[in-house]
Structure formats: structure tokens, C-alpha cells
């Protein structure tokens, strides 16, 4: 299973617009410079009063479909 590492700094207000459905996808640059797009709802377990902060590994299957996300720090 392939994966990308991304560092996210999403404010609580920005995440609320994703959570409320006005934005469905998140775009981020991985630490190796690749762009990745993924559904905003995969971040729900990591939302705090500050939003979503941290470094995450996003895992994909052989068809580049999302499989899982893990917080690294």
C-alpha cells in the first residue's frame, strides 16, 4: 500500500466549511512535493478546537483510492 506524508495546519473555521459540506475535498502538498486530494471527512477524528494540526500518513490502495490515515505526531 502506498502512502504520502502531509503536514496540515487547518484552522477550526476552515475545517467547519468542509464539515458543513461547502467544500468536500482537501488539497495538500506532501513532504516530497506531490499534490494529494482527499475527502475532508477523513480528518474528522483529528479535529480539535484548534482545527486539524499535525503530520499525517495517508495510505492508498493500488488504484490510488484512500484506505486510511494515521497521525504521525
N, C-alpha and C. Protein backbone atom coordinates (compact mmCIF):
# COMPACT_ATOMS: atom_id res chain seq x y z
N UNK A 1 0.86 -1.17 0.00
CA UNK A 1 0.00 0.00 0.00
C UNK A 1 0.90 1.23 0.00
N UNK A 2 0.66 2.16 -0.92
CA UNK A 2 1.47 3.37 -0.98
C UNK A 2 0.92 4.41 -0.02
N UNK A 3 1.77 5.38 0.30
CA UNK A 3 1.34 6.43 1.21
C UNK A 3 2.10 7.72 0.93
N UNK A 4 1.51 8.80 1.41
CA UNK A 4 2.13 10.12 1.35
C UNK A 4 2.09 10.71 2.74
N UNK A 5 3.09 11.52 3.06
CA UNK A 5 3.14 12.22 4.34
C UNK A 5 2.79 13.68 4.08
N UNK A 6 1.82 14.20 4.84
CA UNK A 6 1.42 15.60 4.70
C UNK A 6 1.43 16.26 6.07
N UNK A 7 1.79 17.52 6.08
CA UNK A 7 1.72 18.33 7.29
C UNK A 7 0.54 19.28 7.11
N UNK A 8 -0.41 19.21 8.03
CA UNK A 8 -1.64 20.00 7.90
C UNK A 8 -1.75 21.03 9.02
N UNK A 9 -2.19 22.21 8.65
CA UNK A 9 -2.45 23.29 9.60
C UNK A 9 -3.75 23.95 9.14
N UNK A 10 -4.87 23.35 9.54
CA UNK A 10 -6.19 23.81 9.10
C UNK A 10 -6.90 24.41 10.30
N UNK A 11 -7.29 25.67 10.20
CA UNK A 11 -7.97 26.32 11.31
C UNK A 11 -9.34 25.68 11.54
N UNK A 12 -9.86 25.88 12.73
CA UNK A 12 -11.18 25.34 13.06
C UNK A 12 -12.24 25.90 12.10
N UNK A 13 -12.18 27.20 11.81
CA UNK A 13 -13.16 27.82 10.91
C UNK A 13 -13.07 27.24 9.50
N UNK A 14 -11.85 27.03 9.01
CA UNK A 14 -11.69 26.44 7.68
C UNK A 14 -12.24 25.02 7.66
N UNK A 15 -11.96 24.25 8.71
CA UNK A 15 -12.47 22.88 8.72
C UNK A 15 -13.99 22.87 8.79
N UNK A 16 -14.60 23.82 9.49
CA UNK A 16 -16.06 23.86 9.56
C UNK A 16 -16.70 24.00 8.19
N UNK A 17 -16.09 24.76 7.28
CA UNK A 17 -16.66 24.87 5.94
C UNK A 17 -16.60 23.53 5.21
N UNK A 18 -15.58 22.73 5.46
CA UNK A 18 -15.53 21.38 4.90
C UNK A 18 -16.56 20.49 5.58
N UNK A 19 -16.60 20.58 6.90
CA UNK A 19 -17.52 19.74 7.68
C UNK A 19 -18.97 20.02 7.30
N UNK A 20 -19.30 21.29 7.08
CA UNK A 20 -20.67 21.67 6.73
C UNK A 20 -21.02 21.36 5.28
N UNK A 21 -20.06 20.88 4.51
CA UNK A 21 -20.35 20.43 3.16
C UNK A 21 -20.09 21.42 2.05
N UNK A 22 -19.67 22.64 2.38
CA UNK A 22 -19.41 23.60 1.30
C UNK A 22 -18.13 23.24 0.54
N UNK A 23 -17.24 22.52 1.17
CA UNK A 23 -16.04 22.01 0.50
C UNK A 23 -15.93 20.53 0.85
N UNK A 24 -15.76 19.68 -0.14
CA UNK A 24 -15.73 18.24 0.10
C UNK A 24 -14.34 17.62 0.04
N UNK A 25 -13.41 18.30 -0.63
CA UNK A 25 -12.07 17.74 -0.81
C UNK A 25 -11.02 18.69 -0.24
N UNK A 26 -9.96 18.10 0.29
CA UNK A 26 -8.81 18.84 0.78
C UNK A 26 -7.67 18.61 -0.21
N UNK A 27 -6.94 19.66 -0.52
CA UNK A 27 -5.74 19.55 -1.35
C UNK A 27 -4.55 19.92 -0.48
N UNK A 28 -3.52 19.10 -0.51
CA UNK A 28 -2.33 19.37 0.29
C UNK A 28 -1.10 18.91 -0.49
N UNK A 29 0.03 19.49 -0.13
CA UNK A 29 1.29 19.07 -0.73
C UNK A 29 2.01 18.16 0.24
N UNK A 30 2.43 17.00 -0.25
CA UNK A 30 3.16 16.06 0.60
C UNK A 30 4.57 16.59 0.86
N UNK A 31 5.25 15.98 1.82
CA UNK A 31 6.59 16.47 2.15
C UNK A 31 7.58 16.25 1.01
N UNK A 32 7.24 15.37 0.07
CA UNK A 32 8.12 15.18 -1.10
C UNK A 32 7.65 15.96 -2.32
N UNK A 33 6.70 16.90 -2.12
CA UNK A 33 6.30 17.81 -3.19
C UNK A 33 5.16 17.37 -4.07
N UNK A 34 4.55 16.22 -3.78
CA UNK A 34 3.42 15.74 -4.59
C UNK A 34 2.12 16.33 -4.05
N UNK A 35 1.22 16.68 -4.98
CA UNK A 35 -0.11 17.16 -4.57
C UNK A 35 -1.01 15.96 -4.34
N UNK A 36 -1.78 16.04 -3.27
CA UNK A 36 -2.73 14.98 -2.95
C UNK A 36 -4.09 15.63 -2.65
N UNK A 37 -5.15 15.01 -3.14
CA UNK A 37 -6.52 15.44 -2.88
C UNK A 37 -7.21 14.29 -2.16
N UNK A 38 -7.92 14.61 -1.09
CA UNK A 38 -8.60 13.57 -0.33
C UNK A 38 -9.87 14.14 0.29
N UNK A 39 -10.83 13.27 0.63
CA UNK A 39 -12.09 13.73 1.20
C UNK A 39 -11.87 14.37 2.57
N UNK A 40 -12.49 15.51 2.79
CA UNK A 40 -12.34 16.23 4.06
C UNK A 40 -12.80 15.39 5.24
N UNK A 41 -13.78 14.53 5.03
CA UNK A 41 -14.33 13.78 6.17
C UNK A 41 -13.34 12.81 6.80
N UNK A 42 -12.25 12.46 6.13
CA UNK A 42 -11.28 11.55 6.75
C UNK A 42 -10.55 12.22 7.90
N UNK A 43 -10.64 13.54 7.99
CA UNK A 43 -9.96 14.27 9.05
C UNK A 43 -10.78 14.39 10.33
N UNK A 44 -12.04 14.02 10.30
CA UNK A 44 -12.92 14.20 11.46
C UNK A 44 -12.35 13.68 12.77
N UNK A 45 -11.72 12.51 12.80
CA UNK A 45 -11.19 12.02 14.09
C UNK A 45 -10.08 12.90 14.68
N UNK A 46 -9.52 13.80 13.87
CA UNK A 46 -8.37 14.58 14.30
C UNK A 46 -8.71 16.05 14.57
N UNK A 47 -9.99 16.42 14.49
CA UNK A 47 -10.40 17.81 14.68
C UNK A 47 -10.42 18.14 16.17
N UNK A 48 -9.79 19.25 16.52
CA UNK A 48 -9.83 19.77 17.88
C UNK A 48 -10.40 21.19 17.83
N UNK A 49 -10.46 21.85 18.97
CA UNK A 49 -10.95 23.23 18.97
C UNK A 49 -10.05 24.15 18.16
N UNK A 50 -8.82 23.72 17.88
CA UNK A 50 -7.88 24.50 17.06
C UNK A 50 -7.95 24.14 15.58
N UNK A 51 -8.74 23.15 15.21
CA UNK A 51 -8.82 22.68 13.83
C UNK A 51 -8.10 21.36 13.67
N UNK A 52 -7.36 21.21 12.60
CA UNK A 52 -6.58 19.98 12.35
C UNK A 52 -5.12 20.40 12.20
N UNK A 53 -4.30 19.93 13.10
CA UNK A 53 -2.88 20.28 13.11
C UNK A 53 -2.06 19.01 13.22
N UNK A 54 -0.99 18.90 12.46
CA UNK A 54 -0.08 17.77 12.63
C UNK A 54 0.41 17.20 11.32
N UNK A 55 1.18 16.14 11.46
CA UNK A 55 1.73 15.41 10.31
C UNK A 55 1.02 14.07 10.23
N UNK A 56 0.59 13.72 9.02
CA UNK A 56 -0.23 12.53 8.81
C UNK A 56 0.32 11.70 7.66
N UNK A 57 0.16 10.39 7.79
CA UNK A 57 0.43 9.47 6.68
C UNK A 57 -0.92 9.07 6.10
N UNK A 58 -1.09 9.29 4.80
CA UNK A 58 -2.33 8.93 4.11
C UNK A 58 -2.01 7.75 3.21
N UNK A 59 -2.72 6.64 3.42
CA UNK A 59 -2.46 5.39 2.70
C UNK A 59 -3.49 5.19 1.60
N UNK A 60 -3.01 4.70 0.45
CA UNK A 60 -3.84 4.47 -0.73
C UNK A 60 -3.66 3.03 -1.21
N UNK A 61 -4.69 2.50 -1.88
CA UNK A 61 -4.56 1.16 -2.46
C UNK A 61 -3.91 1.25 -3.85
N UNK A 62 -3.85 0.13 -4.54
CA UNK A 62 -3.20 0.09 -5.86
C UNK A 62 -3.92 0.92 -6.91
N UNK A 63 -5.18 1.31 -6.64
CA UNK A 63 -5.94 2.17 -7.55
C UNK A 63 -5.94 3.63 -7.10
N UNK A 64 -5.06 3.95 -6.16
CA UNK A 64 -4.94 5.30 -5.59
C UNK A 64 -6.20 5.75 -4.87
N UNK A 65 -6.94 4.82 -4.32
CA UNK A 65 -8.13 5.13 -3.51
C UNK A 65 -7.72 5.14 -2.05
N UNK A 66 -8.27 6.09 -1.31
CA UNK A 66 -7.96 6.23 0.11
C UNK A 66 -8.26 4.95 0.88
N UNK A 67 -7.33 4.56 1.76
CA UNK A 67 -7.52 3.40 2.64
C UNK A 67 -7.55 3.81 4.10
N UNK A 68 -6.55 4.60 4.55
CA UNK A 68 -6.53 5.02 5.95
C UNK A 68 -5.61 6.21 6.13
N UNK A 69 -5.79 6.87 7.28
CA UNK A 69 -4.94 7.99 7.64
C UNK A 69 -4.49 7.78 9.08
N UNK A 70 -3.22 8.10 9.34
CA UNK A 70 -2.66 7.96 10.68
C UNK A 70 -1.90 9.23 11.03
N UNK A 71 -2.11 9.70 12.26
CA UNK A 71 -1.34 10.84 12.75
C UNK A 71 0.05 10.35 13.11
N UNK A 72 1.07 11.08 12.68
CA UNK A 72 2.45 10.71 12.98
C UNK A 72 3.00 11.46 14.18
N UNK A 73 2.45 12.61 14.49
CA UNK A 73 2.93 13.35 15.67
C UNK A 73 1.78 13.94 16.43
